Amino acid sequence: MRPMSAEPPAAGQVTLSGEVSTPTWLSVAALRAMPQREMTVSFECRTSGPRRHYFTGPLLLDVLRTAGPRFGSGERKDRLRFLIAVLGLDGHRVVLSWGEIDPEFGNTAAMLAVSMDCRQLDDQGPHLVLPGDRCGARHVSRVTSLRVRAGDGLWD
């Protein structure tokens, strides 16, 4: 993990920004140094049928916590206001709620995979994996950016 600077991240790196105390860039090597999970994920692809892949990597929640999201202190439910925007190199975008991945609420084991089917993803960048999804539309390949934001503007 390294602090952000004005230079763009190198290939395979992810920017972690938004309402966090320590915006940073993460390489696949830095993600691999975090506690790892393993999971086999199956989903139905509309165009190519059933898919099954084996992934390893850290939980998205653990990755986001390294940057220190700016939740209100003292109020547990404040985390529920926050959204996580994930961007892939190809422009694929997904938005998750913090409550979806938080163990006290939805407890979805979302992962930033550093390997897929025993193939390292160092040159590509990590993949966002959501193990409970029936279809793979929220799987984001080559993640380049994670952004944490409060969703307060949704009610303006």
N, C-alpha and C. Protein backbone atom coordinates (compact mmCIF):
# COMPACT_ATOMS: atom_id res chain seq x y z
N MET A 1 0.85 -1.17 0.00
CA MET A 1 0.00 0.00 0.00
C MET A 1 0.90 1.23 0.00
N ARG A 2 0.55 2.22 -0.83
CA ARG A 2 1.32 3.45 -0.83
C ARG A 2 0.37 4.63 -0.94
N PRO A 3 0.73 5.76 -0.32
CA PRO A 3 -0.14 6.94 -0.40
C PRO A 3 -0.30 7.40 -1.83
N MET A 4 -1.42 8.04 -2.09
CA MET A 4 -1.68 8.53 -3.44
C MET A 4 -0.82 9.74 -3.74
N SER A 5 -0.46 9.90 -5.00
CA SER A 5 0.25 11.09 -5.47
C SER A 5 -0.45 11.54 -6.74
N ALA A 6 0.12 12.50 -7.40
CA ALA A 6 -0.50 13.02 -8.62
C ALA A 6 -0.32 12.07 -9.79
N GLU A 7 0.61 11.12 -9.69
CA GLU A 7 0.86 10.19 -10.79
C GLU A 7 -0.23 9.13 -10.85
N PRO A 8 -0.61 8.71 -12.06
CA PRO A 8 -1.62 7.65 -12.18
C PRO A 8 -1.04 6.32 -11.70
N PRO A 9 -1.89 5.41 -11.27
CA PRO A 9 -1.39 4.12 -10.82
C PRO A 9 -0.84 3.30 -11.97
N ALA A 10 0.07 2.41 -11.66
CA ALA A 10 0.62 1.51 -12.66
C ALA A 10 -0.41 0.45 -13.02
N ALA A 11 -0.16 -0.28 -14.09
CA ALA A 11 -1.06 -1.36 -14.51
C ALA A 11 -1.21 -2.36 -13.37
N GLY A 12 -2.43 -2.79 -13.14
CA GLY A 12 -2.70 -3.76 -12.09
C GLY A 12 -2.90 -3.14 -10.71
N GLN A 13 -2.79 -1.81 -10.59
CA GLN A 13 -3.00 -1.16 -9.30
C GLN A 13 -4.40 -0.59 -9.20
N VAL A 14 -4.86 -0.46 -7.96
CA VAL A 14 -6.20 0.03 -7.67
C VAL A 14 -6.10 1.29 -6.82
N THR A 15 -6.83 2.35 -7.20
CA THR A 15 -6.90 3.52 -6.33
C THR A 15 -8.04 3.30 -5.34
N LEU A 16 -7.81 3.69 -4.11
CA LEU A 16 -8.80 3.60 -3.04
C LEU A 16 -8.97 5.01 -2.51
N SER A 17 -10.16 5.61 -2.77
CA SER A 17 -10.35 7.02 -2.47
C SER A 17 -11.77 7.29 -1.97
N GLY A 18 -12.08 8.56 -1.85
CA GLY A 18 -13.40 8.98 -1.40
C GLY A 18 -13.35 9.44 0.04
N GLU A 19 -14.39 9.11 0.78
CA GLU A 19 -14.49 9.54 2.17
C GLU A 19 -13.74 8.55 3.06
N VAL A 20 -12.40 8.62 2.91
CA VAL A 20 -11.50 7.77 3.68
C VAL A 20 -10.38 8.64 4.26
N SER A 21 -9.81 8.20 5.36
CA SER A 21 -8.73 8.95 6.01
C SER A 21 -7.42 8.87 5.23
N THR A 22 -7.16 7.74 4.58
CA THR A 22 -5.90 7.54 3.89
C THR A 22 -6.14 7.03 2.47
N PRO A 23 -6.38 7.94 1.51
CA PRO A 23 -6.48 7.50 0.12
C PRO A 23 -5.16 6.84 -0.28
N THR A 24 -5.24 5.80 -1.08
CA THR A 24 -4.03 5.04 -1.39
C THR A 24 -4.15 4.32 -2.71
N TRP A 25 -3.05 3.76 -3.17
CA TRP A 25 -3.01 2.85 -4.30
C TRP A 25 -2.62 1.49 -3.77
N LEU A 26 -3.24 0.47 -4.29
CA LEU A 26 -2.93 -0.89 -3.86
C LEU A 26 -2.51 -1.71 -5.07
N SER A 27 -1.39 -2.36 -4.96
CA SER A 27 -0.96 -3.30 -5.99
C SER A 27 -1.55 -4.66 -5.69
N VAL A 28 -1.53 -5.54 -6.66
CA VAL A 28 -1.98 -6.91 -6.41
C VAL A 28 -1.08 -7.54 -5.36
N ALA A 29 0.21 -7.23 -5.36
CA ALA A 29 1.12 -7.77 -4.34
C ALA A 29 0.71 -7.32 -2.94
N ALA A 30 0.31 -6.05 -2.79
CA ALA A 30 -0.16 -5.56 -1.49
C ALA A 30 -1.44 -6.27 -1.08
N LEU A 31 -2.33 -6.51 -2.03
CA LEU A 31 -3.56 -7.25 -1.73
C LEU A 31 -3.25 -8.69 -1.33
N ARG A 32 -2.25 -9.27 -1.96
CA ARG A 32 -1.85 -10.65 -1.65
C ARG A 32 -1.24 -10.74 -0.25
N ALA A 33 -0.66 -9.65 0.25
CA ALA A 33 -0.05 -9.65 1.58
C ALA A 33 -1.11 -9.58 2.70
N MET A 34 -2.34 -9.27 2.35
CA MET A 34 -3.43 -9.22 3.33
C MET A 34 -3.94 -10.64 3.59
N PRO A 35 -4.70 -10.85 4.67
CA PRO A 35 -5.29 -12.17 4.90
C PRO A 35 -6.13 -12.61 3.69
N GLN A 36 -5.90 -13.83 3.25
CA GLN A 36 -6.52 -14.35 2.03
C GLN A 36 -7.69 -15.28 2.34
N ARG A 37 -8.66 -15.27 1.46
CA ARG A 37 -9.79 -16.20 1.47
C ARG A 37 -9.75 -16.98 0.18
N GLU A 38 -10.37 -18.12 0.18
CA GLU A 38 -10.53 -18.93 -1.02
C GLU A 38 -12.00 -19.18 -1.21
N MET A 39 -12.46 -19.16 -2.46
CA MET A 39 -13.86 -19.49 -2.72
C MET A 39 -14.03 -19.96 -4.16
N THR A 40 -14.94 -20.88 -4.31
CA THR A 40 -15.37 -21.31 -5.63
C THR A 40 -16.73 -20.69 -5.87
N VAL A 41 -16.87 -20.03 -7.00
CA VAL A 41 -18.08 -19.29 -7.31
C VAL A 41 -18.69 -19.84 -8.60
N SER A 42 -19.98 -20.08 -8.56
CA SER A 42 -20.72 -20.52 -9.75
C SER A 42 -21.78 -19.48 -10.07
N PHE A 43 -21.95 -19.20 -11.34
CA PHE A 43 -23.01 -18.28 -11.75
C PHE A 43 -23.45 -18.63 -13.16
N GLU A 44 -24.60 -18.13 -13.51
CA GLU A 44 -25.19 -18.37 -14.82
C GLU A 44 -24.95 -17.15 -15.69
N CYS A 45 -24.25 -17.35 -16.80
CA CYS A 45 -24.01 -16.27 -17.75
C CYS A 45 -25.04 -16.38 -18.87
N ARG A 46 -25.75 -15.30 -19.13
CA ARG A 46 -26.81 -15.32 -20.14
C ARG A 46 -26.30 -15.71 -21.52
N THR A 47 -25.10 -15.28 -21.87
CA THR A 47 -24.60 -15.54 -23.22
C THR A 47 -23.80 -16.82 -23.35
N SER A 48 -23.13 -17.26 -22.28
CA SER A 48 -22.27 -18.44 -22.42
C SER A 48 -22.59 -19.56 -21.44
N GLY A 49 -23.69 -19.44 -20.72
CA GLY A 49 -24.12 -20.53 -19.84
C GLY A 49 -23.45 -20.53 -18.48
N PRO A 50 -23.46 -21.69 -17.81
CA PRO A 50 -22.92 -21.78 -16.45
C PRO A 50 -21.41 -21.57 -16.43
N ARG A 51 -20.96 -20.89 -15.40
CA ARG A 51 -19.54 -20.64 -15.18
C ARG A 51 -19.19 -21.04 -13.75
N ARG A 52 -17.97 -21.52 -13.56
CA ARG A 52 -17.49 -21.89 -12.24
C ARG A 52 -16.01 -21.52 -12.18
N HIS A 53 -15.62 -20.74 -11.16
CA HIS A 53 -14.24 -20.31 -11.02
C HIS A 53 -13.81 -20.40 -9.56
N TYR A 54 -12.51 -20.59 -9.38
CA TYR A 54 -11.89 -20.65 -8.05
C TYR A 54 -11.07 -19.38 -7.87
N PHE A 55 -11.33 -18.64 -6.79
CA PHE A 55 -10.67 -17.36 -6.53
C PHE A 55 -9.96 -17.38 -5.19
N THR A 56 -8.88 -16.59 -5.10
CA THR A 56 -8.26 -16.27 -3.81
C THR A 56 -8.05 -14.77 -3.76
N GLY A 57 -8.13 -14.22 -2.54
CA GLY A 57 -7.90 -12.79 -2.35
C GLY A 57 -8.45 -12.34 -1.02
N PRO A 58 -8.22 -11.07 -0.68
CA PRO A 58 -8.74 -10.53 0.57
C PRO A 58 -10.22 -10.13 0.42
N LEU A 59 -10.91 -10.09 1.53
CA LEU A 59 -12.28 -9.58 1.51
C LEU A 59 -12.26 -8.10 1.18
N LEU A 60 -13.22 -7.66 0.40
CA LEU A 60 -13.35 -6.24 0.06
C LEU A 60 -13.43 -5.39 1.33
N LEU A 61 -14.15 -5.86 2.31
CA LEU A 61 -14.29 -5.12 3.57
C LEU A 61 -12.93 -4.86 4.21
N ASP A 62 -12.06 -5.86 4.24
CA ASP A 62 -10.73 -5.69 4.83
C ASP A 62 -9.90 -4.69 4.04
N VAL A 63 -10.02 -4.73 2.72
CA VAL A 63 -9.29 -3.79 1.87
C VAL A 63 -9.75 -2.36 2.15
N LEU A 64 -11.06 -2.15 2.20
CA LEU A 64 -11.59 -0.80 2.44
C LEU A 64 -11.23 -0.29 3.82
N ARG A 65 -11.20 -1.15 4.79
CA ARG A 65 -10.85 -0.73 6.16
C ARG A 65 -9.43 -0.22 6.26
N THR A 66 -8.52 -0.66 5.37
CA THR A 66 -7.14 -0.17 5.42
C THR A 66 -7.05 1.33 5.16
N ALA A 67 -8.03 1.89 4.46
CA ALA A 67 -8.03 3.32 4.14
C ALA A 67 -8.76 4.15 5.20
N GLY A 68 -9.41 3.50 6.15
CA GLY A 68 -10.09 4.24 7.23
C GLY A 68 -11.32 5.01 6.77
N PRO A 69 -12.39 4.31 6.39
CA PRO A 69 -13.62 5.02 6.01
C PRO A 69 -14.06 5.99 7.11
N ARG A 70 -14.56 7.13 6.72
CA ARG A 70 -14.93 8.19 7.68
C ARG A 70 -16.37 8.06 8.14
N PHE A 71 -16.61 7.03 8.94
CA PHE A 71 -17.93 6.85 9.53
C PHE A 71 -18.05 7.76 10.74
N GLY A 72 -19.30 8.14 11.08
CA GLY A 72 -19.53 8.89 12.30
C GLY A 72 -19.20 8.02 13.50
N SER A 73 -18.42 8.57 14.41
CA SER A 73 -18.06 7.79 15.59
C SER A 73 -19.24 7.69 16.54
N GLY A 74 -19.34 6.56 17.17
CA GLY A 74 -20.36 6.37 18.19
C GLY A 74 -21.70 5.88 17.67
N GLU A 75 -21.92 5.89 16.36
CA GLU A 75 -23.21 5.44 15.83
C GLU A 75 -22.97 4.33 14.82
N ARG A 76 -23.27 3.12 15.23
CA ARG A 76 -23.04 1.94 14.40
C ARG A 76 -23.78 2.02 13.07
N LYS A 77 -24.98 2.53 13.06
CA LYS A 77 -25.78 2.58 11.84
C LYS A 77 -25.27 3.60 10.83
N ASP A 78 -24.34 4.46 11.22
CA ASP A 78 -23.80 5.45 10.28
C ASP A 78 -23.17 4.77 9.07
N ARG A 79 -22.61 3.57 9.26
CA ARG A 79 -22.00 2.83 8.15
C ARG A 79 -23.01 2.56 7.04
N LEU A 80 -24.29 2.46 7.39
CA LEU A 80 -25.32 2.13 6.40
C LEU A 80 -25.56 3.24 5.38
N ARG A 81 -25.04 4.43 5.64
CA ARG A 81 -25.18 5.54 4.69
C ARG A 81 -24.18 5.46 3.54
N PHE A 82 -23.17 4.58 3.67
CA PHE A 82 -22.05 4.61 2.74
C PHE A 82 -22.20 3.63 1.58
N LEU A 83 -21.71 4.07 0.43
CA LEU A 83 -21.73 3.29 -0.80
C LEU A 83 -20.29 3.06 -1.27
N ILE A 84 -20.10 1.99 -2.01
CA ILE A 84 -18.79 1.65 -2.54
C ILE A 84 -18.93 1.54 -4.06
N ALA A 85 -18.24 2.40 -4.78
CA ALA A 85 -18.25 2.36 -6.24
C ALA A 85 -17.00 1.62 -6.70
N VAL A 86 -17.20 0.65 -7.58
CA VAL A 86 -16.10 -0.18 -8.10
C VAL A 86 -16.06 0.04 -9.61
N LEU A 87 -14.87 0.33 -10.12
CA LEU A 87 -14.69 0.59 -11.56
C LEU A 87 -13.67 -0.37 -12.13
N GLY A 88 -14.01 -0.98 -13.27
CA GLY A 88 -13.08 -1.85 -13.98
C GLY A 88 -12.43 -1.12 -15.14
N LEU A 89 -11.33 -1.65 -15.61
CA LEU A 89 -10.57 -1.04 -16.70
C LEU A 89 -11.42 -0.86 -17.96
N ASP A 90 -12.37 -1.76 -18.17
CA ASP A 90 -13.24 -1.68 -19.36
C ASP A 90 -14.42 -0.74 -19.18
N GLY A 91 -14.51 -0.04 -18.05
CA GLY A 91 -15.61 0.88 -17.79
C GLY A 91 -16.77 0.27 -17.04
N HIS A 92 -16.74 -1.04 -16.80
CA HIS A 92 -17.80 -1.70 -16.02
C HIS A 92 -17.82 -1.11 -14.62
N ARG A 93 -19.01 -0.69 -14.17
CA ARG A 93 -19.17 -0.05 -12.86
C ARG A 93 -20.21 -0.78 -12.05
N VAL A 94 -19.94 -0.90 -10.76
CA VAL A 94 -20.86 -1.53 -9.82
C VAL A 94 -20.87 -0.69 -8.56
N VAL A 95 -22.04 -0.55 -7.96
CA VAL A 95 -22.15 0.15 -6.68
C VAL A 95 -22.73 -0.83 -5.66
N LEU A 96 -22.05 -0.92 -4.52
CA LEU A 96 -22.49 -1.75 -3.41
C LEU A 96 -22.77 -0.85 -2.21
N SER A 97 -23.60 -1.32 -1.32
CA SER A 97 -23.79 -0.59 -0.06
C SER A 97 -22.84 -1.17 0.97
N TRP A 98 -22.40 -0.32 1.91
CA TRP A 98 -21.53 -0.81 2.98
C TRP A 98 -22.26 -1.89 3.78
N GLY A 99 -23.55 -1.70 4.04
CA GLY A 99 -24.32 -2.67 4.80
C GLY A 99 -24.35 -4.04 4.16
N GLU A 100 -24.22 -4.09 2.85
CA GLU A 100 -24.21 -5.36 2.12
C GLU A 100 -23.02 -6.23 2.51
N ILE A 101 -21.85 -5.62 2.75
CA ILE A 101 -20.63 -6.39 3.03
C ILE A 101 -20.26 -6.40 4.50
N ASP A 102 -20.92 -5.59 5.32
CA ASP A 102 -20.61 -5.48 6.75
C ASP A 102 -21.12 -6.72 7.49
N PRO A 103 -20.28 -7.36 8.32
CA PRO A 103 -20.70 -8.57 9.04
C PRO A 103 -21.89 -8.35 9.98
N GLU A 104 -22.12 -7.13 10.43
CA GLU A 104 -23.26 -6.87 11.32
C GLU A 104 -24.57 -6.69 10.56
N PHE A 105 -24.50 -6.66 9.24
CA PHE A 105 -25.70 -6.45 8.43
C PHE A 105 -25.80 -7.55 7.36
N GLY A 106 -25.46 -7.28 6.11
CA GLY A 106 -25.63 -8.26 5.04
C GLY A 106 -24.62 -9.39 5.03
N ASN A 107 -23.40 -9.10 5.47
CA ASN A 107 -22.33 -10.08 5.60
C ASN A 107 -22.00 -10.83 4.31
N THR A 108 -22.09 -10.16 3.16
CA THR A 108 -21.69 -10.76 1.89
C THR A 108 -20.17 -10.79 1.83
N ALA A 109 -19.61 -11.94 1.52
CA ALA A 109 -18.15 -12.11 1.49
C ALA A 109 -17.58 -11.64 0.15
N ALA A 110 -17.81 -10.38 -0.20
CA ALA A 110 -17.26 -9.82 -1.43
C ALA A 110 -15.74 -9.85 -1.34
N MET A 111 -15.10 -10.18 -2.44
CA MET A 111 -13.65 -10.37 -2.47
C MET A 111 -13.03 -9.55 -3.58
N LEU A 112 -11.79 -9.11 -3.34
CA LEU A 112 -10.95 -8.58 -4.42
C LEU A 112 -9.96 -9.69 -4.74
N ALA A 113 -10.28 -10.45 -5.75
CA ALA A 113 -9.48 -11.64 -6.07
C ALA A 113 -8.15 -11.25 -6.69
N VAL A 114 -7.09 -11.92 -6.23
CA VAL A 114 -5.75 -11.72 -6.78
C VAL A 114 -5.33 -12.91 -7.64
N SER A 115 -6.14 -13.98 -7.61
CA SER A 115 -5.93 -15.10 -8.52
C SER A 115 -7.28 -15.68 -8.91
N MET A 116 -7.32 -16.22 -10.11
CA MET A 116 -8.53 -16.85 -10.63
C MET A 116 -8.12 -18.16 -11.28
N ASP A 117 -8.73 -19.25 -10.81
CA ASP A 117 -8.41 -20.57 -11.33
C ASP A 117 -6.90 -20.83 -11.27
N CYS A 118 -6.29 -20.45 -10.13
CA CYS A 118 -4.85 -20.65 -9.85
C CYS A 118 -3.94 -19.84 -10.76
N ARG A 119 -4.47 -18.82 -11.43
CA ARG A 119 -3.70 -17.93 -12.29
C ARG A 119 -3.61 -16.57 -11.61
N GLN A 120 -2.40 -16.10 -11.38
CA GLN A 120 -2.20 -14.82 -10.71
C GLN A 120 -2.69 -13.67 -11.59
N LEU A 121 -3.25 -12.63 -10.97
CA LEU A 121 -3.83 -11.50 -11.70
C LEU A 121 -2.97 -10.24 -11.58
N ASP A 122 -1.68 -10.39 -11.33
CA ASP A 122 -0.79 -9.25 -11.13
C ASP A 122 -0.82 -8.25 -12.28
N ASP A 123 -0.77 -8.72 -13.51
CA ASP A 123 -0.73 -7.81 -14.66
C ASP A 123 -2.09 -7.21 -14.98
N GLN A 124 -3.16 -7.95 -14.70
CA GLN A 124 -4.51 -7.48 -15.00
C GLN A 124 -5.05 -6.55 -13.93
N GLY A 125 -4.80 -6.88 -12.70
CA GLY A 125 -5.44 -6.22 -11.58
C GLY A 125 -6.47 -7.15 -10.98
N PRO A 126 -6.93 -6.84 -9.78
CA PRO A 126 -7.85 -7.74 -9.09
C PRO A 126 -9.24 -7.75 -9.72
N HIS A 127 -10.01 -8.76 -9.35
CA HIS A 127 -11.39 -8.88 -9.78
C HIS A 127 -12.30 -8.76 -8.56
N LEU A 128 -13.40 -8.05 -8.70
CA LEU A 128 -14.43 -8.03 -7.67
C LEU A 128 -15.26 -9.29 -7.84
N VAL A 129 -15.42 -10.05 -6.76
CA VAL A 129 -16.17 -11.29 -6.79
C VAL A 129 -17.26 -11.22 -5.72
N LEU A 130 -18.51 -11.47 -6.12
CA LEU A 130 -19.64 -11.51 -5.20
C LEU A 130 -20.22 -12.92 -5.23
N PRO A 131 -19.87 -13.74 -4.23
CA PRO A 131 -20.17 -15.17 -4.30
C PRO A 131 -21.64 -15.55 -4.33
N GLY A 132 -22.52 -14.74 -3.84
CA GLY A 132 -23.93 -15.12 -3.79
C GLY A 132 -24.74 -14.75 -5.00
N ASP A 133 -24.15 -14.04 -5.95
CA ASP A 133 -24.90 -13.60 -7.12
C ASP A 133 -25.24 -14.78 -8.03
N ARG A 134 -26.45 -14.80 -8.49
CA ARG A 134 -26.91 -15.85 -9.39
C ARG A 134 -26.31 -15.69 -10.79
N CYS A 135 -26.18 -14.45 -11.23
CA CYS A 135 -25.54 -14.18 -12.51
C CYS A 135 -24.27 -13.37 -12.22
N GLY A 136 -23.34 -13.36 -13.13
CA GLY A 136 -22.04 -12.74 -12.88
C GLY A 136 -21.94 -11.28 -13.26
N ALA A 137 -23.05 -10.57 -13.37
CA ALA A 137 -23.01 -9.18 -13.85
C ALA A 137 -22.28 -8.23 -12.90
N ARG A 138 -22.24 -8.55 -11.61
CA ARG A 138 -21.52 -7.67 -10.67
C ARG A 138 -20.07 -8.11 -10.49
N HIS A 139 -19.62 -9.12 -11.22
CA HIS A 139 -18.21 -9.49 -11.24
C HIS A 139 -17.51 -8.43 -12.08
N VAL A 140 -16.53 -7.75 -11.50
CA VAL A 140 -15.80 -6.70 -12.23
C VAL A 140 -14.37 -7.17 -12.41
N SER A 141 -13.95 -7.34 -13.66
CA SER A 141 -12.57 -7.72 -13.98
C SER A 141 -11.70 -6.47 -13.99
N ARG A 142 -10.44 -6.67 -13.69
CA ARG A 142 -9.44 -5.60 -13.78
C ARG A 142 -9.88 -4.33 -13.05
N VAL A 143 -10.17 -4.47 -11.78
CA VAL A 143 -10.61 -3.33 -10.97
C VAL A 143 -9.50 -2.28 -10.94
N THR A 144 -9.86 -1.04 -11.22
CA THR A 144 -8.89 0.07 -11.20
C THR A 144 -9.18 1.07 -10.09
N SER A 145 -10.42 1.09 -9.59
CA SER A 145 -10.79 2.12 -8.62
C SER A 145 -11.86 1.62 -7.66
N LEU A 146 -11.65 1.94 -6.38
CA LEU A 146 -12.65 1.74 -5.33
C LEU A 146 -12.88 3.12 -4.70
N ARG A 147 -14.12 3.52 -4.60
CA ARG A 147 -14.43 4.83 -4.02
C ARG A 147 -15.52 4.66 -2.97
N VAL A 148 -15.27 5.19 -1.79
CA VAL A 148 -16.22 5.14 -0.68
C VAL A 148 -16.87 6.51 -0.55
N ARG A 149 -18.21 6.53 -0.55
CA ARG A 149 -18.94 7.80 -0.43
C ARG A 149 -20.18 7.62 0.41
N ALA A 150 -20.54 8.67 1.14
CA ALA A 150 -21.83 8.67 1.82
C ALA A 150 -22.90 8.91 0.76
N GLY A 151 -24.02 8.23 0.89
CA GLY A 151 -25.09 8.35 -0.09
C GLY A 151 -26.13 9.39 0.29
N ASP A 152 -25.75 10.35 1.12
CA ASP A 152 -26.72 11.34 1.61
C ASP A 152 -27.40 12.12 0.50
N GLY A 153 -26.72 12.36 -0.62
CA GLY A 153 -27.30 13.14 -1.71
C GLY A 153 -28.45 12.45 -2.43
N LEU A 154 -28.69 11.18 -2.14
CA LEU A 154 -29.76 10.46 -2.80
C LEU A 154 -31.14 11.02 -2.45
N TRP A 155 -31.23 11.72 -1.33
CA TRP A 155 -32.52 12.23 -0.88
C TRP A 155 -32.68 13.72 -1.12
N ASP A 156 -31.76 14.33 -1.84
CA ASP A 156 -31.87 15.76 -2.14
C ASP A 156 -32.79 16.01 -3.31
